[in-house]
């Protein structure tokens, strides 16, 4: 009889552990599902932003007219000067 009681106690302890493990796994699953939903939501937002930026890029490309006149050369020179000035400022900051 003592052996039967001991076996039943052992089975009960195993059941308690299994039930606890099941509860913990359900909690982890719920947390993972919540994270999954958040990431899906972020992905949708990022996809919408990419689509928006692609449209904006198309508009900018369509509105840009190729220039090769003297005004363009002056602009390029000014950009080069600004880049050189920025490089110089960065050198001063790094020293």
C-alpha atoms as a PDB file:
ATOM      1  CA  UNK A   1       0.000   0.000   0.000  1.00  0.00           C
ATOM      2  CA  UNK A   2       2.850   2.361   0.844  1.00  0.00           C
ATOM      3  CA  UNK A   3       4.331   1.842  -2.592  1.00  0.00           C
ATOM      4  CA  UNK A   4       1.027   2.764  -4.243  1.00  0.00           C
ATOM      5  CA  UNK A   5       0.765   5.952  -2.171  1.00  0.00           C
ATOM      6  CA  UNK A   6       4.335   6.879  -3.098  1.00  0.00           C
ATOM      7  CA  UNK A   7       3.647   6.330  -6.807  1.00  0.00           C
ATOM      8  CA  UNK A   8       0.495   8.450  -6.606  1.00  0.00           C
ATOM      9  CA  UNK A   9       2.411  11.227  -4.823  1.00  0.00           C
ATOM     10  CA  UNK A  10       5.097  11.096  -7.523  1.00  0.00           C
ATOM     11  CA  UNK A  11       2.477  11.290 -10.266  1.00  0.00           C
ATOM     12  CA  UNK A  12       0.797  14.213  -8.516  1.00  0.00           C
ATOM     13  CA  UNK A  13       4.110  16.102  -8.269  1.00  0.00           C
ATOM     14  CA  UNK A  14       4.773  15.508 -11.955  1.00  0.00           C
ATOM     15  CA  UNK A  15       1.281  16.764 -12.807  1.00  0.00           C
ATOM     16  CA  UNK A  16       1.829  19.914 -10.772  1.00  0.00           C
ATOM     17  CA  UNK A  17       5.146  20.551 -12.575  1.00  0.00           C
ATOM     18  CA  UNK A  18       3.572  19.920 -15.983  1.00  0.00           C
ATOM     19  CA  UNK A  19       0.657  22.243 -15.196  1.00  0.00           C
ATOM     20  CA  UNK A  20       3.068  24.959 -14.028  1.00  0.00           C
ATOM     21  CA  UNK A  21       5.224  24.526 -17.114  1.00  0.00           C
ATOM     22  CA  UNK A  22       2.107  24.737 -19.304  1.00  0.00           C
ATOM     23  CA  UNK A  23       1.082  27.987 -17.581  1.00  0.00           C
ATOM     24  CA  UNK A  24       4.559  29.473 -18.106  1.00  0.00           C
ATOM     25  CA  UNK A  25       4.564  28.438 -21.756  1.00  0.00           C
ATOM     26  CA  UNK A  26       1.167  30.050 -22.294  1.00  0.00           C
ATOM     27  CA  UNK A  27       2.449  33.274 -20.756  1.00  0.00           C
ATOM     28  CA  UNK A  28       5.514  33.203 -23.017  1.00  0.00           C
ATOM     29  CA  UNK A  29       3.293  32.518 -26.029  1.00  0.00           C
ATOM     30  CA  UNK A  30       1.065  35.476 -25.150  1.00  0.00           C
ATOM     31  CA  UNK A  31       4.122  37.733 -24.815  1.00  0.00           C
ATOM     32  CA  UNK A  32       5.515  36.518 -28.135  1.00  0.00           C
ATOM     33  CA  UNK A  33       2.167  37.076 -29.839  1.00  0.00           C
ATOM     34  CA  UNK A  34       2.053  40.630 -28.503  1.00  0.00           C
ATOM     35  CA  UNK A  35       5.583  41.269 -29.766  1.00  0.00           C
ATOM     36  CA  UNK A  36       4.660  39.752 -33.110  1.00  0.00           C
ATOM     37  CA  UNK A  37       1.638  42.038 -33.433  1.00  0.00           C
ATOM     38  CA  UNK A  38       3.782  45.090 -32.597  1.00  0.00           C
ATOM     39  CA  UNK A  39       6.377  44.142 -35.188  1.00  0.00           C
ATOM     40  CA  UNK A  40       3.730  43.556 -37.843  1.00  0.00           C
ATOM     41  CA  UNK A  41       2.317  46.979 -37.043  1.00  0.00           C
ATOM     42  CA  UNK A  42       5.783  48.558 -37.316  1.00  0.00           C
ATOM     43  CA  UNK A  43       6.366  46.759 -40.608  1.00  0.00           C
ATOM     44  CA  UNK A  44       3.094  48.112 -42.011  1.00  0.00           C
ATOM     45  CA  UNK A  45       4.046  51.644 -40.955  1.00  0.00           C
ATOM     46  CA  UNK A  46       7.493  51.296 -42.526  1.00  0.00           C
ATOM     47  CA  UNK A  47       6.055  49.899 -45.757  1.00  0.00           C
ATOM     48  CA  UNK A  48       3.646  52.831 -45.958  1.00  0.00           C
ATOM     49  CA  UNK A  49       6.530  55.239 -45.356  1.00  0.00           C
ATOM     50  CA  UNK A  50       8.616  53.586 -48.090  1.00  0.00           C
ATOM     51  CA  UNK A  51       5.713  53.846 -50.526  1.00  0.00           C
ATOM     52  CA  UNK A  52       5.273  57.511 -49.589  1.00  0.00           C
ATOM     53  CA  UNK A  53       8.972  58.224 -50.100  1.00  0.00           C
ATOM     54  CA  UNK A  54       8.983  56.403 -53.436  1.00  0.00           C
ATOM     55  CA  UNK A  55       6.098  58.573 -54.636  1.00  0.00           C
ATOM     56  CA  UNK A  56       7.889  61.682 -53.419  1.00  0.00           C
ATOM     57  CA  UNK A  57      11.050  60.542 -55.170  1.00  0.00           C
ATOM     58  CA  UNK A  58       9.135  60.047 -58.422  1.00  0.00           C
ATOM     59  CA  UNK A  59       7.684  63.538 -58.165  1.00  0.00           C
ATOM     60  CA  UNK A  60      11.129  65.001 -57.537  1.00  0.00           C
ATOM     61  CA  UNK A  61      12.651  63.108 -60.448  1.00  0.00           C
ATOM     62  CA  UNK A  62       9.855  64.158 -62.760  1.00  0.00           C
ATOM     63  CA  UNK A  63      10.135  67.804 -61.736  1.00  0.00           C
ATOM     64  CA  UNK A  64      13.908  67.927 -62.100  1.00  0.00           C
ATOM     65  CA  UNK A  65      15.047  69.310 -65.409  1.00  0.00           C
ATOM     66  CA  UNK A  66      18.549  68.649 -66.633  1.00  0.00           C
ATOM     67  CA  UNK A  67      20.657  71.791 -66.629  1.00  0.00           C
ATOM     68  CA  UNK A  68      24.009  72.198 -68.226  1.00  0.00           C
ATOM     69  CA  UNK A  69      24.261  75.957 -68.407  1.00  0.00           C
ATOM     70  CA  UNK A  70      26.631  78.318 -66.597  1.00  0.00           C
ATOM     71  CA  UNK A  71      24.236  78.494 -63.663  1.00  0.00           C
ATOM     72  CA  UNK A  72      24.773  74.772 -63.050  1.00  0.00           C
ATOM     73  CA  UNK A  73      28.543  75.196 -63.038  1.00  0.00           C
ATOM     74  CA  UNK A  74      28.268  77.971 -60.463  1.00  0.00           C
ATOM     75  CA  UNK A  75      26.059  75.793 -58.302  1.00  0.00           C
ATOM     76  CA  UNK A  76      28.497  72.904 -58.535  1.00  0.00           C
ATOM     77  CA  UNK A  77      31.355  75.207 -57.567  1.00  0.00           C
ATOM     78  CA  UNK A  78      29.388  76.509 -54.597  1.00  0.00           C
ATOM     79  CA  UNK A  79      28.612  72.950 -53.489  1.00  0.00           C
ATOM     80  CA  UNK A  80      32.287  72.046 -53.779  1.00  0.00           C
ATOM     81  CA  UNK A  81      33.199  75.083 -51.689  1.00  0.00           C
ATOM     82  CA  UNK A  82      30.660  74.150 -49.027  1.00  0.00           C
ATOM     83  CA  UNK A  83      31.893  70.548 -48.946  1.00  0.00           C
ATOM     84  CA  UNK A  84      35.461  71.771 -48.542  1.00  0.00           C
ATOM     85  CA  UNK A  85      34.368  74.087 -45.747  1.00  0.00           C
ATOM     86  CA  UNK A  86      32.545  71.246 -44.003  1.00  0.00           C
ATOM     87  CA  UNK A  87      35.606  69.025 -44.359  1.00  0.00           C
ATOM     88  CA  UNK A  88      37.727  71.751 -42.832  1.00  0.00           C
ATOM     89  CA  UNK A  89      35.306  72.145 -39.906  1.00  0.00           C
ATOM     90  CA  UNK A  90      35.356  68.377 -39.335  1.00  0.00           C
ATOM     91  CA  UNK A  91      39.145  68.411 -39.293  1.00  0.00           C
ATOM     92  CA  UNK A  92      39.069  71.150 -36.672  1.00  0.00           C
ATOM     93  CA  UNK A  93      36.593  69.191 -34.581  1.00  0.00           C
ATOM     94  CA  UNK A  94      38.685  66.017 -34.782  1.00  0.00           C
ATOM     95  CA  UNK A  95      41.864  67.726 -33.607  1.00  0.00           C
END
